[in-house]
């Protein structure tokens, strides 16, 4: 059905919302909530009913519900004034009160344009065994993967309910793509192999029918019930970079002159993911983000990511450590907060940027808000750990850092996070752990020159100067343009002074080797 009210058109079947003739990006949970309220507009929808319908009865906080209602209001242009379309009735629930001008069969009307985003559907996984319990686990796994993918910035994910109509049906994935209006389809299967449960996942381009990627995930059958959430997170963390690569190829084919704000945002994320930390990649990333915010000034996530990228560039010595740059970072972060105050990713990015500026109290407040909405936000846990470590709650901070890394064990940012943990361990004098984490971070991501410097400091403070010289040489090999003074923000002034004693030795060793 198509619902019309105010300047909005909502197509239930295509899961699309247009306002004033323009497509509006709506997260799957927010869309489900909006449809629930519209279709029950003759009465008040209680919180419990809303949670049952949108979250499948899972336990969620009032803050999470309120944030999704706020997002629904923003999507339809509801200012929350006396003329509000979505009313909150204290201790009772919510009601959609706008006049719906018409409801017609979707087939009788032109379908509103889908949001110009890379779009995905996760189809029901096949149970390739006689174990009916495994089939139930497959359904839960699909729901979890769908929910986690919905949090990936820049992607539109069709709800598990809509994709569920393809259960036990042999269909061409190109047909699925046309019917659901999606560019990518995720399929999967579960089977038993001895004592192991094998989960196979594939990503297919629904426009061509060609498979982009596939991978197996192997877990003890007996542990699958306990580990299903971990399996879902592992699937998404491996799948997300593959989606990014596939989408970058589509964007390049379109040509830069036709890119919209979301495509520019994906270009920025892809550039940093694939290019590593250096001046050229940073400049390219920031340029894409400027294009994104110019093409859509209300794009809060792009503003937040721009603030985070600039803050990290300053920390890693790739941008000047100046009052002007700090002011720009803070203004960008606050603009994002004003535009999208209930988005946990936006809050997480802002919190990280503020922590990089050394404003740990403000960063902690921001991260607490992000985790209240999304307790599985691994990056938010990492930033929380940094804030606690640098404000005297060392044990709690290290615990949070390790928890964040456990939440996302296959994350592409794991090397970066390991370097962060190593620096915090160094900060509190746990030298052996700092050295080991710094080395592990470098194995995970060979571009992390700053992790090599943390390793060097841990070795120096432990009395191993020769090994420290080797770590300094490694940092210089990774980044030949490295200047020690540029690392004052990341390491601290006193740590830079410590390294200076061996820095010239390292330069002499390098010169001798090249001669």
Protein backbone atom coordinates (compact mmCIF):
# COMPACT_ATOMS: atom_id res chain seq x y z
CA UNK A 1 0.00 0.00 0.00
CA UNK A 2 0.94 3.64 -0.50
CA UNK A 3 0.17 6.09 2.32
CA UNK A 4 0.02 9.87 1.72
CA UNK A 5 0.06 12.53 4.42
CA UNK A 6 1.36 16.07 4.43
CA UNK A 7 4.17 16.22 1.87
CA UNK A 8 5.08 12.56 2.43
CA UNK A 9 4.48 9.40 0.40
CA UNK A 10 5.24 6.04 2.06
CA UNK A 11 5.32 2.88 -0.06
CA UNK A 12 4.95 -0.10 2.26
CA UNK A 13 5.85 -2.77 -0.30
CA UNK A 14 8.94 -1.00 -1.64
CA UNK A 15 9.87 0.23 1.86
CA UNK A 16 10.42 3.72 0.51
CA UNK A 17 9.65 7.18 1.88
CA UNK A 18 9.54 10.36 -0.21
CA UNK A 19 9.11 13.86 1.19
CA UNK A 20 8.47 16.84 -1.07
CA UNK A 21 9.28 14.56 -4.01
CA UNK A 22 12.71 13.51 -2.68
CA UNK A 23 13.71 10.09 -1.37
CA UNK A 24 14.43 10.02 2.38
CA UNK A 25 16.85 7.53 3.91
CA UNK A 26 15.15 5.56 6.70
CA UNK A 27 16.70 2.80 8.80
CA UNK A 28 14.74 -0.49 8.72
CA UNK A 29 13.64 -0.34 12.37
CA UNK A 30 12.50 3.26 11.94
CA UNK A 31 10.54 2.36 8.81
CA UNK A 32 8.88 -0.58 10.61
CA UNK A 33 7.97 1.71 13.51
CA UNK A 34 6.52 4.32 11.14
CA UNK A 35 4.39 1.74 9.30
CA UNK A 36 3.14 0.30 12.61
CA UNK A 37 1.99 3.73 13.79
CA UNK A 38 0.42 4.67 10.45
CA UNK A 39 -1.52 1.42 10.14
CA UNK A 40 -2.77 1.71 13.74
CA UNK A 41 -3.43 5.44 13.65
CA UNK A 42 -6.95 5.04 15.06
CA UNK A 43 -5.49 4.17 18.48
CA UNK A 44 -2.51 4.53 20.82
CA UNK A 45 0.30 1.98 20.28
CA UNK A 46 1.85 1.05 23.62
CA UNK A 47 5.58 0.67 24.16
CA UNK A 48 5.33 -3.07 24.75
CA UNK A 49 3.39 -3.58 21.52
CA UNK A 50 5.87 -1.44 19.64
CA UNK A 51 8.82 -3.40 21.02
CA UNK A 52 7.15 -6.71 20.14
CA UNK A 53 6.52 -5.57 16.56
CA UNK A 54 9.78 -3.75 15.79
CA UNK A 55 12.32 -5.58 17.96
CA UNK A 56 10.64 -8.97 18.08
CA UNK A 57 10.12 -8.72 21.84
CA UNK A 58 13.83 -8.27 22.63
CA UNK A 59 14.73 -6.21 25.68
CA UNK A 60 15.47 -2.60 24.68
CA UNK A 61 15.70 0.54 26.77
CA UNK A 62 13.20 3.40 26.73
CA UNK A 63 15.99 5.58 25.33
CA UNK A 64 16.34 3.26 22.34
CA UNK A 65 12.60 3.37 21.65
CA UNK A 66 12.54 7.16 22.02
CA UNK A 67 15.51 7.55 19.66
CA UNK A 68 13.74 5.53 16.94
CA UNK A 69 10.54 7.57 17.42
CA UNK A 70 12.61 10.75 17.11
CA UNK A 71 14.19 9.39 13.93
CA UNK A 72 10.72 8.62 12.52
CA UNK A 73 9.63 12.17 13.30
CA UNK A 74 12.66 13.61 11.51
CA UNK A 75 12.07 11.34 8.51
CA UNK A 76 8.57 12.73 7.95
CA UNK A 77 9.49 16.32 8.79
CA UNK A 78 7.73 16.31 12.17
CA UNK A 79 9.07 19.16 14.30
CA UNK A 80 7.46 17.87 17.50
CA UNK A 81 5.35 21.01 17.83
CA UNK A 82 1.64 21.21 18.59
CA UNK A 83 1.01 20.05 15.01
CA UNK A 84 3.14 16.95 15.55
CA UNK A 85 2.23 13.94 13.39
CA UNK A 86 3.54 11.43 15.95
CA UNK A 87 2.26 12.19 19.43
CA UNK A 88 3.77 10.83 22.64
CA UNK A 89 1.20 10.08 25.33
CA UNK A 90 2.95 9.77 28.70
CA UNK A 91 2.70 6.30 30.27
CA UNK A 92 0.50 5.15 27.35
CA UNK A 93 2.55 5.09 24.16
CA UNK A 94 2.51 6.75 20.74
CA UNK A 95 -0.08 7.65 18.14
CA UNK A 96 0.11 8.77 14.51
CA UNK A 97 -2.36 11.66 14.24
CA UNK A 98 -1.74 13.14 10.78
CA UNK A 99 -4.54 12.78 8.24
CA UNK A 100 -3.80 10.05 5.70
CA UNK A 101 -5.19 11.44 2.47
CA UNK A 102 -5.31 8.24 0.46
CA UNK A 103 -4.34 4.58 0.39
CA UNK A 104 -4.10 2.91 -3.00
CA UNK A 105 -2.69 -0.39 -4.21
CA UNK A 106 0.97 0.08 -4.99
CA UNK A 107 0.46 -1.48 -8.45
CA UNK A 108 -1.89 1.37 -9.39
CA UNK A 109 0.64 4.09 -8.64
CA UNK A 110 4.18 4.80 -9.80
CA UNK A 111 6.51 3.48 -7.13
CA UNK A 112 8.42 6.22 -5.33
CA UNK A 113 12.15 6.16 -6.04
CA UNK A 114 14.17 4.05 -3.65
CA UNK A 115 16.83 5.90 -1.66
CA UNK A 116 19.93 6.22 -3.84
CA UNK A 117 21.96 4.01 -1.51
CA UNK A 118 23.67 0.67 -1.93
CA UNK A 119 20.81 -1.59 -0.87
CA UNK A 120 20.91 -5.13 0.56
CA UNK A 121 18.56 -7.96 1.43
CA UNK A 122 19.55 -10.91 3.63
CA UNK A 123 17.52 -13.93 2.52
CA UNK A 124 16.58 -16.82 4.84
CA UNK A 125 19.52 -19.21 5.27
CA UNK A 126 19.11 -22.83 4.16
CA UNK A 127 19.16 -25.54 6.81
CA UNK A 128 21.06 -28.34 5.07
CA UNK A 129 20.52 -30.86 7.83
CA UNK A 130 17.64 -32.73 9.46
CA UNK A 131 18.16 -30.81 12.70
CA UNK A 132 15.09 -28.56 13.05
CA UNK A 133 16.76 -26.73 15.92
CA UNK A 134 19.52 -25.69 13.51
CA UNK A 135 16.81 -24.18 11.30
CA UNK A 136 15.63 -22.00 14.17
CA UNK A 137 19.20 -20.88 14.81
CA UNK A 138 19.51 -20.03 11.11
CA UNK A 139 16.49 -17.72 11.38
CA UNK A 140 17.95 -15.94 14.41
CA UNK A 141 21.29 -15.62 12.63
CA UNK A 142 19.60 -13.97 9.63
CA UNK A 143 17.82 -11.51 11.93
CA UNK A 144 21.07 -10.65 13.69
CA UNK A 145 23.02 -10.22 10.44
CA UNK A 146 20.22 -8.00 9.05
CA UNK A 147 20.16 -5.86 12.19
CA UNK A 148 23.94 -5.47 12.24
CA UNK A 149 24.13 -4.61 8.54
CA UNK A 150 21.48 -1.95 9.10
CA UNK A 151 24.00 -0.13 11.30
CA UNK A 152 26.62 0.06 8.55
CA UNK A 153 26.72 3.68 7.45
CA UNK A 154 25.63 4.30 3.89
CA UNK A 155 23.71 1.07 3.23
CA UNK A 156 19.94 0.56 2.99
CA UNK A 157 18.93 -2.85 4.38
CA UNK A 158 15.56 -4.48 3.68
CA UNK A 159 13.93 -5.89 6.82
CA UNK A 160 14.13 -9.59 7.58
CA UNK A 161 10.33 -9.76 7.36
CA UNK A 162 10.26 -8.57 3.76
CA UNK A 163 13.10 -10.87 2.72
CA UNK A 164 11.41 -13.77 4.52
CA UNK A 165 8.88 -14.27 1.71
CA UNK A 166 11.63 -16.08 -0.24
CA UNK A 167 11.93 -18.89 2.31
CA UNK A 168 12.04 -22.33 0.65
CA UNK A 169 11.63 -20.79 -2.81
CA UNK A 170 13.99 -21.43 -5.71
CA UNK A 171 14.32 -17.96 -7.21
CA UNK A 172 16.79 -16.19 -9.45
CA UNK A 173 18.62 -13.62 -7.31
CA UNK A 174 18.25 -11.07 -10.08
CA UNK A 175 14.49 -11.44 -9.69
CA UNK A 176 14.81 -10.98 -5.95
CA UNK A 177 16.82 -7.82 -6.57
CA UNK A 178 14.14 -6.40 -8.86
CA UNK A 179 11.26 -7.33 -6.55
CA UNK A 180 12.88 -5.94 -3.41
CA UNK A 181 14.62 -3.04 -5.14
CA UNK A 182 18.08 -4.01 -3.88
CA UNK A 183 21.53 -4.08 -5.45
CA UNK A 184 23.02 -6.87 -3.29
CA UNK A 185 21.67 -10.10 -1.86
CA UNK A 186 23.20 -12.04 1.04
CA UNK A 187 22.46 -15.77 1.11
CA UNK A 188 23.69 -18.52 3.39
CA UNK A 189 23.38 -22.05 4.65
CA UNK A 190 24.03 -24.09 7.80
CA UNK A 191 25.00 -27.75 7.96
CA UNK A 192 26.48 -30.18 10.46
CA UNK A 193 29.89 -31.77 9.83
CA UNK A 194 30.68 -34.11 12.72
CA UNK A 195 30.90 -32.03 15.85
CA UNK A 196 31.11 -28.78 13.89
CA UNK A 197 28.47 -26.46 12.48
CA UNK A 198 29.47 -24.90 9.16
CA UNK A 199 27.91 -21.56 8.20
CA UNK A 200 28.47 -20.56 4.55
CA UNK A 201 27.67 -16.98 3.51
CA UNK A 202 27.62 -15.45 0.00
CA UNK A 203 27.29 -11.91 -1.33
CA UNK A 204 25.76 -11.59 -4.82
CA UNK A 205 25.34 -8.58 -7.10
CA UNK A 206 21.61 -8.76 -7.80
CA UNK A 207 21.88 -6.65 -10.95
CA UNK A 208 24.18 -9.14 -12.70
CA UNK A 209 23.62 -12.33 -10.70
CA UNK A 210 27.39 -12.66 -10.21
CA UNK A 211 28.78 -13.70 -6.83
CA UNK A 212 31.02 -11.04 -5.26
CA UNK A 213 32.27 -13.00 -2.27
CA UNK A 214 31.74 -16.10 -0.16
CA UNK A 215 33.24 -17.43 3.05
CA UNK A 216 32.73 -20.25 5.58
CA UNK A 217 32.38 -19.75 9.34
CA UNK A 218 33.14 -22.82 11.43
CA UNK A 219 32.03 -23.28 15.06
CA UNK A 220 31.49 -26.17 17.46
CA UNK A 221 27.89 -27.37 17.06
CA UNK A 222 27.40 -27.52 20.82
CA UNK A 223 28.51 -23.89 21.18
CA UNK A 224 26.45 -22.45 18.33
CA UNK A 225 23.55 -21.39 20.55
CA UNK A 226 25.87 -19.44 22.82
CA UNK A 227 27.95 -18.05 19.97
CA UNK A 228 25.24 -17.13 17.45
CA UNK A 229 25.58 -13.39 18.15
CA UNK A 230 29.37 -13.66 17.78
CA UNK A 231 28.93 -15.55 14.50
CA UNK A 232 26.60 -12.83 13.21
CA UNK A 233 29.09 -10.11 14.15
CA UNK A 234 31.92 -12.07 12.51
CA UNK A 235 29.89 -12.43 9.31
CA UNK A 236 29.11 -8.72 9.17
CA UNK A 237 32.65 -7.58 9.95
CA UNK A 238 34.02 -9.67 7.07
CA UNK A 239 31.10 -8.79 4.80
CA UNK A 240 31.23 -5.03 5.31
CA UNK A 241 34.61 -4.47 3.56
CA UNK A 242 33.44 -6.66 0.68
CA UNK A 243 30.29 -4.55 0.34
CA UNK A 244 32.47 -1.45 0.39
CA UNK A 245 34.70 -2.78 -2.39
CA UNK A 246 31.71 -3.84 -4.50
CA UNK A 247 30.02 -0.48 -4.02
CA UNK A 248 33.18 1.48 -4.85
CA UNK A 249 33.30 -0.32 -8.20
CA UNK A 250 29.69 0.76 -8.87
CA UNK A 251 30.45 4.34 -7.84
CA UNK A 252 33.48 4.50 -10.14
CA UNK A 253 31.38 3.32 -13.07
CA UNK A 254 28.88 6.12 -12.41
CA UNK A 255 31.51 8.87 -12.68
CA UNK A 256 32.30 11.51 -10.08
CA UNK A 257 30.00 14.12 -11.60
CA UNK A 258 26.92 12.02 -10.81
CA UNK A 259 27.76 11.05 -7.24
CA UNK A 260 25.24 11.87 -4.53
CA UNK A 261 26.10 12.56 -0.88
CA UNK A 262 25.91 8.91 0.18
CA UNK A 263 28.16 7.80 -2.66
CA UNK A 264 30.72 10.44 -1.66
CA UNK A 265 30.52 9.20 1.92
CA UNK A 266 31.13 5.59 0.81
CA UNK A 267 34.09 6.78 -1.27
CA UNK A 268 35.54 8.40 1.85
CA UNK A 269 35.10 5.27 3.97
CA UNK A 270 36.53 3.10 1.21
CA UNK A 271 39.55 5.35 0.65
CA UNK A 272 40.53 5.18 4.31
CA UNK A 273 39.78 1.46 4.61
CA UNK A 274 41.86 0.52 1.60
CA UNK A 275 44.52 3.26 1.58
CA UNK A 276 45.76 3.37 5.18
CA UNK A 277 46.96 6.39 7.14
CA UNK A 278 49.05 8.77 5.02
CA UNK A 279 48.76 12.32 3.72
CA UNK A 280 47.46 11.35 0.29
CA UNK A 281 44.71 9.05 1.59
CA UNK A 282 43.71 11.55 4.27
CA UNK A 283 43.43 14.38 1.73
CA UNK A 284 41.33 12.19 -0.60
CA UNK A 285 39.07 11.10 2.26
CA UNK A 286 38.48 14.65 3.46
CA UNK A 287 37.74 15.80 -0.09
CA UNK A 288 35.06 13.12 -0.49
CA UNK A 289 33.52 14.15 2.84
CA UNK A 290 33.46 17.81 1.80
CA UNK A 291 31.60 16.78 -1.35
CA UNK A 292 29.15 14.75 0.74
CA UNK A 293 28.32 17.63 3.07
CA UNK A 294 28.14 20.15 0.22
CA UNK A 295 25.65 17.95 -1.65
CA UNK A 296 23.63 17.29 1.50
CA UNK A 297 24.29 19.88 4.26
CA UNK A 298 21.97 17.94 6.58
CA UNK A 299 24.02 14.73 6.35
CA UNK A 300 24.95 14.39 10.03
CA UNK A 301 26.95 11.18 9.68
CA UNK A 302 29.26 12.70 7.06
CA UNK A 303 29.89 15.73 9.31
CA UNK A 304 30.65 13.43 12.25
CA UNK A 305 33.01 11.25 10.22
CA UNK A 306 34.76 14.35 8.87
CA UNK A 307 35.39 15.52 12.43
CA UNK A 308 36.73 12.12 13.44
CA UNK A 309 39.02 11.81 10.41
CA UNK A 310 40.45 15.28 10.98
CA UNK A 311 41.00 14.56 14.68
CA UNK A 312 42.81 11.30 13.93
CA UNK A 313 44.85 13.02 11.22
CA UNK A 314 46.00 15.55 13.79
CA UNK A 315 46.77 12.85 16.36
CA UNK A 316 48.84 10.83 13.89
CA UNK A 317 50.86 13.83 12.73
CA UNK A 318 49.23 14.09 9.30
CA UNK A 319 47.51 17.43 9.99
CA UNK A 320 48.85 20.42 11.95
CA UNK A 321 48.27 20.49 15.70
CA UNK A 322 46.88 24.00 15.81
CA UNK A 323 44.10 25.94 17.50
CA UNK A 324 42.53 26.53 14.10
CA UNK A 325 42.41 22.80 13.33
CA UNK A 326 41.06 21.97 16.77
CA UNK A 327 38.35 24.60 16.36
CA UNK A 328 37.39 23.18 12.97
CA UNK A 329 37.14 19.65 14.41
CA UNK A 330 34.96 20.80 17.29
CA UNK A 331 32.64 22.84 15.03
CA UNK A 332 32.23 19.92 12.65
CA UNK A 333 31.45 17.56 15.52
CA UNK A 334 28.87 19.89 17.05
CA UNK A 335 27.21 20.42 13.67
CA UNK A 336 26.82 16.65 13.35
CA UNK A 337 25.34 16.43 16.84
CA UNK A 338 22.75 19.09 16.06
CA UNK A 339 21.78 17.34 12.81
CA UNK A 340 21.53 13.75 14.10
CA UNK A 341 21.52 13.63 17.92
CA UNK A 342 20.07 10.11 18.29
CA UNK A 343 22.32 8.21 15.88
CA UNK A 344 24.73 5.96 17.84
CA UNK A 345 27.31 6.04 15.03
CA UNK A 346 27.25 9.83 14.96
CA UNK A 347 27.61 9.94 18.74
CA UNK A 348 30.45 7.42 18.60
CA UNK A 349 32.36 9.39 15.97
CA UNK A 350 31.88 12.64 17.89
CA UNK A 351 32.99 11.01 21.15
CA UNK A 352 36.13 9.69 19.49
CA UNK A 353 36.95 13.10 17.99
CA UNK A 354 36.50 14.82 21.37
CA UNK A 355 38.70 12.21 23.07
CA UNK A 356 41.39 12.85 20.44
CA UNK A 357 41.19 16.54 21.38
CA UNK A 358 41.76 15.56 25.02
CA UNK A 359 38.24 16.53 26.13
CA UNK A 360 37.63 13.23 27.90
CA UNK A 361 34.67 14.35 30.02
CA UNK A 362 32.62 15.54 27.03
CA UNK A 363 33.71 12.48 25.04
CA UNK A 364 32.60 10.14 27.84
CA UNK A 365 29.14 11.74 27.98
CA UNK A 366 28.77 11.34 24.22
CA UNK A 367 29.88 7.70 24.31
CA UNK A 368 27.51 6.86 27.16
CA UNK A 369 24.64 8.14 25.01
CA UNK A 370 25.83 6.06 22.06
CA UNK A 371 26.05 2.88 24.15
CA UNK A 372 22.63 3.44 25.68
CA UNK A 373 21.19 3.31 22.17
CA UNK A 374 23.50 0.57 20.82
CA UNK A 375 25.35 -1.47 23.48
CA UNK A 376 27.17 -3.47 20.77
CA UNK A 377 28.98 -0.43 19.30
CA UNK A 378 32.56 -1.71 19.51
CA UNK A 379 34.18 1.62 18.66
CA UNK A 380 32.22 3.34 21.41
CA UNK A 381 33.55 0.82 23.94
CA UNK A 382 37.09 1.52 22.74
CA UNK A 383 36.66 5.28 23.20
CA UNK A 384 35.04 4.73 26.60
CA UNK A 385 38.11 2.73 27.61
CA UNK A 386 40.44 5.53 26.53
CA UNK A 387 38.42 8.11 28.47
CA UNK A 388 38.46 6.01 31.64
CA UNK A 389 42.18 5.23 31.34
CA UNK A 390 43.12 8.88 30.92
CA UNK A 391 40.92 10.03 33.81
CA UNK A 392 42.33 7.66 36.42
CA UNK A 393 40.00 4.64 36.16
CA UNK A 394 42.71 2.50 34.66
CA UNK A 395 41.41 -1.00 35.38
CA UNK A 396 37.92 -0.17 34.09
CA UNK A 397 39.40 1.50 31.03
CA UNK A 398 41.55 -1.48 30.04
CA UNK A 399 38.56 -3.79 30.59
CA UNK A 400 36.42 -1.67 28.25
CA UNK A 401 39.15 -1.60 25.61
CA UNK A 402 39.46 -5.37 25.61
CA UNK A 403 35.65 -5.72 25.63
CA UNK A 404 35.37 -3.53 22.54
CA UNK A 405 37.88 -5.68 20.66
CA UNK A 406 36.09 -8.88 21.70
CA UNK A 407 32.78 -7.49 20.43
CA UNK A 408 34.19 -7.30 16.91
CA UNK A 409 36.97 -9.91 16.59
CA UNK A 410 37.23 -9.65 12.77
CA UNK A 411 36.87 -5.89 12.49
CA UNK A 412 38.98 -4.15 9.86
CA UNK A 413 39.90 -1.59 12.55
CA UNK A 414 41.32 -4.19 14.93
CA UNK A 415 44.91 -3.17 14.25
CA UNK A 416 44.10 0.46 15.01
CA UNK A 417 42.26 -0.53 18.15
CA UNK A 418 45.18 -2.71 19.25
CA UNK A 419 47.50 0.27 18.85
CA UNK A 420 45.09 2.29 20.98
CA UNK A 421 45.10 -0.39 23.69
CA UNK A 422 48.91 -0.62 23.54
CA UNK A 423 49.23 3.14 24.05
CA UNK A 424 46.89 3.04 27.05
CA UNK A 425 48.84 0.14 28.56
CA UNK A 426 52.04 2.13 28.01
CA UNK A 427 50.42 5.16 29.65
CA UNK A 428 49.85 3.17 32.88
CA UNK A 429 53.24 1.40 32.89
CA UNK A 430 52.20 -2.10 31.80
CA UNK A 431 55.21 -2.37 29.51
CA UNK A 432 55.20 -6.04 28.53
CA UNK A 433 51.50 -5.97 27.63
CA UNK A 434 51.99 -2.69 25.74
CA UNK A 435 54.86 -4.17 23.71
CA UNK A 436 52.91 -7.33 22.87
CA UNK A 437 49.74 -5.44 21.87
CA UNK A 438 51.78 -3.02 19.72
CA UNK A 439 53.43 -5.92 17.89
CA UNK A 440 50.09 -7.66 17.37
CA UNK A 441 48.60 -4.41 16.02
CA UNK A 442 51.40 -4.20 13.44
CA UNK A 443 50.80 -7.77 12.32
CA UNK A 444 47.12 -6.96 11.83
CA UNK A 445 47.81 -3.75 9.90
CA UNK A 446 51.26 -3.19 8.38
CA UNK A 447 50.63 0.56 7.92
CA UNK A 448 50.54 1.43 11.65
CA UNK A 449 53.81 3.31 12.13
CA UNK A 450 52.52 4.77 15.40
CA UNK A 451 52.15 1.24 16.85
CA UNK A 452 55.86 0.67 16.14
CA UNK A 453 56.68 3.80 18.14
CA UNK A 454 54.60 2.53 21.09
CA UNK A 455 56.56 -0.72 20.88
CA UNK A 456 59.83 1.27 20.88
CA UNK A 457 58.82 3.20 24.00
CA UNK A 458 57.79 0.03 25.84
CA UNK A 459 61.15 -1.56 24.98
CA UNK A 460 63.13 1.55 26.02
CA UNK A 461 61.38 1.76 29.37
CA UNK A 462 62.05 -1.93 29.86
CA UNK A 463 65.78 -1.43 29.23
CA UNK A 464 65.94 -2.99 25.73
CA UNK A 465 67.43 -0.11 23.72
CA UNK A 466 68.71 -2.26 20.85
CA UNK A 467 65.26 -3.74 20.24
CA UNK A 468 63.78 -0.25 20.56
CA UNK A 469 66.09 0.98 17.75
CA UNK A 470 64.71 -1.84 15.59
CA UNK A 471 61.14 -0.73 16.30
CA UNK A 472 62.03 2.89 15.43
CA UNK A 473 63.59 1.72 12.18
CA UNK A 474 60.39 -0.20 11.41
CA UNK A 475 58.29 2.94 11.97
CA UNK A 476 60.55 4.82 9.54
CA UNK A 477 60.30 2.09 6.94
CA UNK A 478 56.51 2.28 7.09
CA UNK A 479 56.50 6.08 6.93
CA UNK A 480 59.73 7.49 5.46
CA UNK A 481 58.48 11.07 5.98
CA UNK A 482 57.99 10.51 9.70
CA UNK A 483 59.07 13.46 11.86
CA UNK A 484 59.28 12.74 15.58
CA UNK A 485 57.92 16.12 16.67
CA UNK A 486 54.68 15.39 14.77
CA UNK A 487 53.90 12.57 17.22
CA UNK A 488 53.54 14.80 20.28
CA UNK A 489 49.76 14.61 20.26
CA UNK A 490 49.65 10.81 20.02
CA UNK A 491 52.56 9.93 22.33
CA UNK A 492 52.88 13.01 24.55
CA UNK A 493 55.73 15.49 24.77
CA UNK A 494 57.71 13.55 27.38
CA UNK A 495 57.53 10.33 25.35
CA UNK A 496 58.80 12.16 22.26
CA UNK A 497 61.73 13.45 24.30
CA UNK A 498 62.47 9.89 25.41
CA UNK A 499 62.51 8.65 21.83
CA UNK A 500 64.76 11.51 20.69
CA UNK A 501 67.80 9.85 22.30
CA UNK A 502 67.51 6.83 20.03
CA UNK A 503 66.02 8.68 17.08
CA UNK A 504 69.37 9.99 15.81
CA UNK A 505 70.94 6.55 16.34
CA UNK A 506 68.19 5.11 14.18
CA UNK A 507 68.83 7.70 11.48
CA UNK A 508 72.55 6.86 11.51
CA UNK A 509 71.81 3.15 11.23
CA UNK A 510 69.47 3.80 8.30
CA UNK A 511 72.09 5.99 6.56
CA UNK A 512 74.79 3.35 7.01
CA UNK A 513 72.52 0.64 5.64
CA UNK A 514 71.63 2.71 2.56
CA UNK A 515 75.32 3.53 1.93
